[in-house]
Amino acid sequence: MNNTAFQHSDSKQYNELAELLKALSHPVRLCIVRGLMRKKKCNVSYMQECLDLPQSTVSQHLQKLRSAGIVATERNGLEVNYVLADQRIEQMIPILFGEEDCES
């Protein structure tokens, strides 16, 4: 019998998903992503106030999310806002939190 259920045929896809999950694997980063789902876009100063963390800490977490392609930046004059860049996240986060949708 040839069982193919556990074949590791597309290692690129597994690696990409593992990196995505790794980037989300911190409570602050999960909070940032969930906040961006609700607010749609936000700057570092606002996040820093909400999270009650130093701006440098928030920026480090945002850099990890940006490197993973989870968030992107939008510049409006001098202001830089962060937005979600990966639509899979908008499907994944409500499932992780047991929510039907993120608006609840």
C-alpha atoms as a PDB file:
ATOM      1  CA  MET A   1       0.000   0.000   0.000  1.00  0.00           C
ATOM      2  CA  ASN A   2       1.383   3.399  -1.029  1.00  0.00           C
ATOM      3  CA  ASN A   3       0.240   6.071   1.425  1.00  0.00           C
ATOM      4  CA  THR A   4       0.795   9.629   0.173  1.00  0.00           C
ATOM      5  CA  ALA A   5      -0.898  11.523   3.013  1.00  0.00           C
ATOM      6  CA  PHE A   6       2.393  12.571   4.589  1.00  0.00           C
ATOM      7  CA  GLN A   7       4.536  13.158   1.546  1.00  0.00           C
ATOM      8  CA  HIS A   8       6.720  16.221   1.792  1.00  0.00           C
ATOM      9  CA  SER A   9       6.283  17.025  -1.886  1.00  0.00           C
ATOM     10  CA  ASP A  10       6.243  20.825  -1.846  1.00  0.00           C
ATOM     11  CA  SER A  11       8.893  21.797   0.674  1.00  0.00           C
ATOM     12  CA  LYS A  12       8.848  25.426  -0.540  1.00  0.00           C
ATOM     13  CA  GLN A  13       5.224  25.808   0.541  1.00  0.00           C
ATOM     14  CA  TYR A  14       5.912  24.163   3.914  1.00  0.00           C
ATOM     15  CA  ASN A  15       8.904  26.440   4.473  1.00  0.00           C
ATOM     16  CA  GLU A  16       6.919  29.570   3.570  1.00  0.00           C
ATOM     17  CA  LEU A  17       4.088  28.638   5.922  1.00  0.00           C
ATOM     18  CA  ALA A  18       6.530  27.772   8.711  1.00  0.00           C
ATOM     19  CA  GLU A  19       8.189  31.199   8.317  1.00  0.00           C
ATOM     20  CA  LEU A  20       4.790  32.900   8.374  1.00  0.00           C
ATOM     21  CA  LEU A  21       3.817  31.096  11.571  1.00  0.00           C
ATOM     22  CA  LYS A  22       7.221  31.809  13.100  1.00  0.00           C
ATOM     23  CA  ALA A  23       6.760  35.531  12.443  1.00  0.00           C
ATOM     24  CA  LEU A  24       3.393  35.401  14.224  1.00  0.00           C
ATOM     25  CA  SER A  25       4.717  33.395  17.170  1.00  0.00           C
ATOM     26  CA  HIS A  26       5.003  36.256  19.653  1.00  0.00           C
ATOM     27  CA  PRO A  27       2.139  37.769  21.686  1.00  0.00           C
ATOM     28  CA  VAL A  28       3.053  41.342  20.704  1.00  0.00           C
ATOM     29  CA  ARG A  29       3.135  40.496  16.999  1.00  0.00           C
ATOM     30  CA  LEU A  30      -0.222  38.720  17.253  1.00  0.00           C
ATOM     31  CA  CYS A  31      -1.624  41.797  18.983  1.00  0.00           C
ATOM     32  CA  ILE A  32      -0.222  44.099  16.275  1.00  0.00           C
ATOM     33  CA  VAL A  33      -1.708  41.985  13.499  1.00  0.00           C
ATOM     34  CA  ARG A  34      -5.078  41.732  15.212  1.00  0.00           C
ATOM     35  CA  GLY A  35      -5.068  45.500  15.796  1.00  0.00           C
ATOM     36  CA  LEU A  36      -4.286  46.153  12.137  1.00  0.00           C
ATOM     37  CA  MET A  37      -7.178  43.914  11.144  1.00  0.00           C
ATOM     38  CA  ARG A  38      -9.498  46.092  13.206  1.00  0.00           C
ATOM     39  CA  LYS A  39      -8.021  49.517  12.434  1.00  0.00           C
ATOM     40  CA  LYS A  40      -6.856  48.766   8.834  1.00  0.00           C
ATOM     41  CA  LYS A  41      -3.799  51.061   9.098  1.00  0.00           C
ATOM     42  CA  CYS A  42      -1.808  52.503  11.944  1.00  0.00           C
ATOM     43  CA  ASN A  43       1.473  54.268  12.712  1.00  0.00           C
ATOM     44  CA  VAL A  44       4.116  53.155  15.201  1.00  0.00           C
ATOM     45  CA  SER A  45       3.335  55.913  17.717  1.00  0.00           C
ATOM     46  CA  TYR A  46      -0.297  54.839  18.023  1.00  0.00           C
ATOM     47  CA  MET A  47       0.704  51.179  18.411  1.00  0.00           C
ATOM     48  CA  GLN A  48       3.321  52.092  20.990  1.00  0.00           C
ATOM     49  CA  GLU A  49       0.731  53.931  23.095  1.00  0.00           C
ATOM     50  CA  CYS A  50      -1.801  51.094  22.847  1.00  0.00           C
ATOM     51  CA  LEU A  51       0.737  48.381  23.610  1.00  0.00           C
ATOM     52  CA  ASP A  52       2.486  50.427  26.331  1.00  0.00           C
ATOM     53  CA  LEU A  53       5.879  49.384  24.966  1.00  0.00           C
ATOM     54  CA  PRO A  54       8.922  51.402  23.898  1.00  0.00           C
ATOM     55  CA  GLN A  55       8.821  52.532  20.279  1.00  0.00           C
ATOM     56  CA  SER A  56      12.022  50.594  19.562  1.00  0.00           C
ATOM     57  CA  THR A  57      10.375  47.352  20.715  1.00  0.00           C
ATOM     58  CA  VAL A  58       7.292  47.927  18.568  1.00  0.00           C
ATOM     59  CA  SER A  59       9.515  48.798  15.597  1.00  0.00           C
ATOM     60  CA  GLN A  60      11.500  45.568  16.013  1.00  0.00           C
ATOM     61  CA  HIS A  61       8.304  43.518  15.995  1.00  0.00           C
ATOM     62  CA  LEU A  62       7.019  45.407  12.954  1.00  0.00           C
ATOM     63  CA  GLN A  63      10.296  44.731  11.143  1.00  0.00           C
ATOM     64  CA  LYS A  64       9.875  40.984  11.708  1.00  0.00           C
ATOM     65  CA  LEU A  65       6.311  41.147  10.407  1.00  0.00           C
ATOM     66  CA  ARG A  66       7.429  43.227   7.437  1.00  0.00           C
ATOM     67  CA  SER A  67      10.286  40.839   6.607  1.00  0.00           C
ATOM     68  CA  ALA A  68       7.778  37.979   6.570  1.00  0.00           C
ATOM     69  CA  GLY A  69       5.500  39.915   4.207  1.00  0.00           C
ATOM     70  CA  ILE A  70       2.716  40.104   6.778  1.00  0.00           C
ATOM     71  CA  VAL A  71       2.647  43.906   6.964  1.00  0.00           C
ATOM     72  CA  ALA A  72       3.632  46.660   4.563  1.00  0.00           C
ATOM     73  CA  THR A  73       4.045  50.408   4.874  1.00  0.00           C
ATOM     74  CA  GLU A  74       2.119  53.260   3.325  1.00  0.00           C
ATOM     75  CA  ARG A  75       3.686  56.700   3.406  1.00  0.00           C
ATOM     76  CA  ASN A  76       1.513  59.793   3.758  1.00  0.00           C
ATOM     77  CA  GLY A  77       3.878  62.768   3.821  1.00  0.00           C
ATOM     78  CA  LEU A  78       6.090  62.237   6.861  1.00  0.00           C
ATOM     79  CA  GLU A  79       3.755  59.693   8.439  1.00  0.00           C
ATOM     80  CA  VAL A  80       4.335  55.994   7.845  1.00  0.00           C
ATOM     81  CA  ASN A  81       1.358  53.720   8.404  1.00  0.00           C
ATOM     82  CA  TYR A  82       1.427  49.949   8.604  1.00  0.00           C
ATOM     83  CA  VAL A  83      -1.181  47.797   6.873  1.00  0.00           C
ATOM     84  CA  LEU A  84      -1.718  44.066   6.505  1.00  0.00           C
ATOM     85  CA  ALA A  85      -0.121  42.776   3.322  1.00  0.00           C
ATOM     86  CA  ASP A  86      -1.003  39.069   3.383  1.00  0.00           C
ATOM     87  CA  GLN A  87      -4.664  38.176   2.936  1.00  0.00           C
ATOM     88  CA  ARG A  88      -4.112  34.747   4.481  1.00  0.00           C
ATOM     89  CA  ILE A  89      -3.620  36.512   7.809  1.00  0.00           C
ATOM     90  CA  GLU A  90      -7.123  37.986   7.653  1.00  0.00           C
ATOM     91  CA  GLN A  91      -8.481  34.449   7.401  1.00  0.00           C
ATOM     92  CA  MET A  92      -6.093  32.896   9.910  1.00  0.00           C
ATOM     93  CA  ILE A  93      -6.286  35.277  12.888  1.00  0.00           C
ATOM     94  CA  PRO A  94     -10.049  34.991  13.519  1.00  0.00           C
ATOM     95  CA  ILE A  95      -9.693  31.204  13.438  1.00  0.00           C
ATOM     96  CA  LEU A  96      -6.837  31.307  15.959  1.00  0.00           C
ATOM     97  CA  PHE A  97      -8.877  33.504  18.288  1.00  0.00           C
ATOM     98  CA  GLY A  98     -12.086  31.510  17.798  1.00  0.00           C
ATOM     99  CA  GLU A  99     -13.910  34.460  16.271  1.00  0.00           C
ATOM    100  CA  GLU A 100     -16.354  34.272  13.412  1.00  0.00           C
ATOM    101  CA  ASP A 101     -15.005  37.566  12.108  1.00  0.00           C
ATOM    102  CA  CYS A 102     -12.652  40.186  13.451  1.00  0.00           C
ATOM    103  CA  GLU A 103     -15.328  42.848  13.875  1.00  0.00           C
ATOM    104  CA  SER A 104     -16.756  41.143  16.994  1.00  0.00           C
END
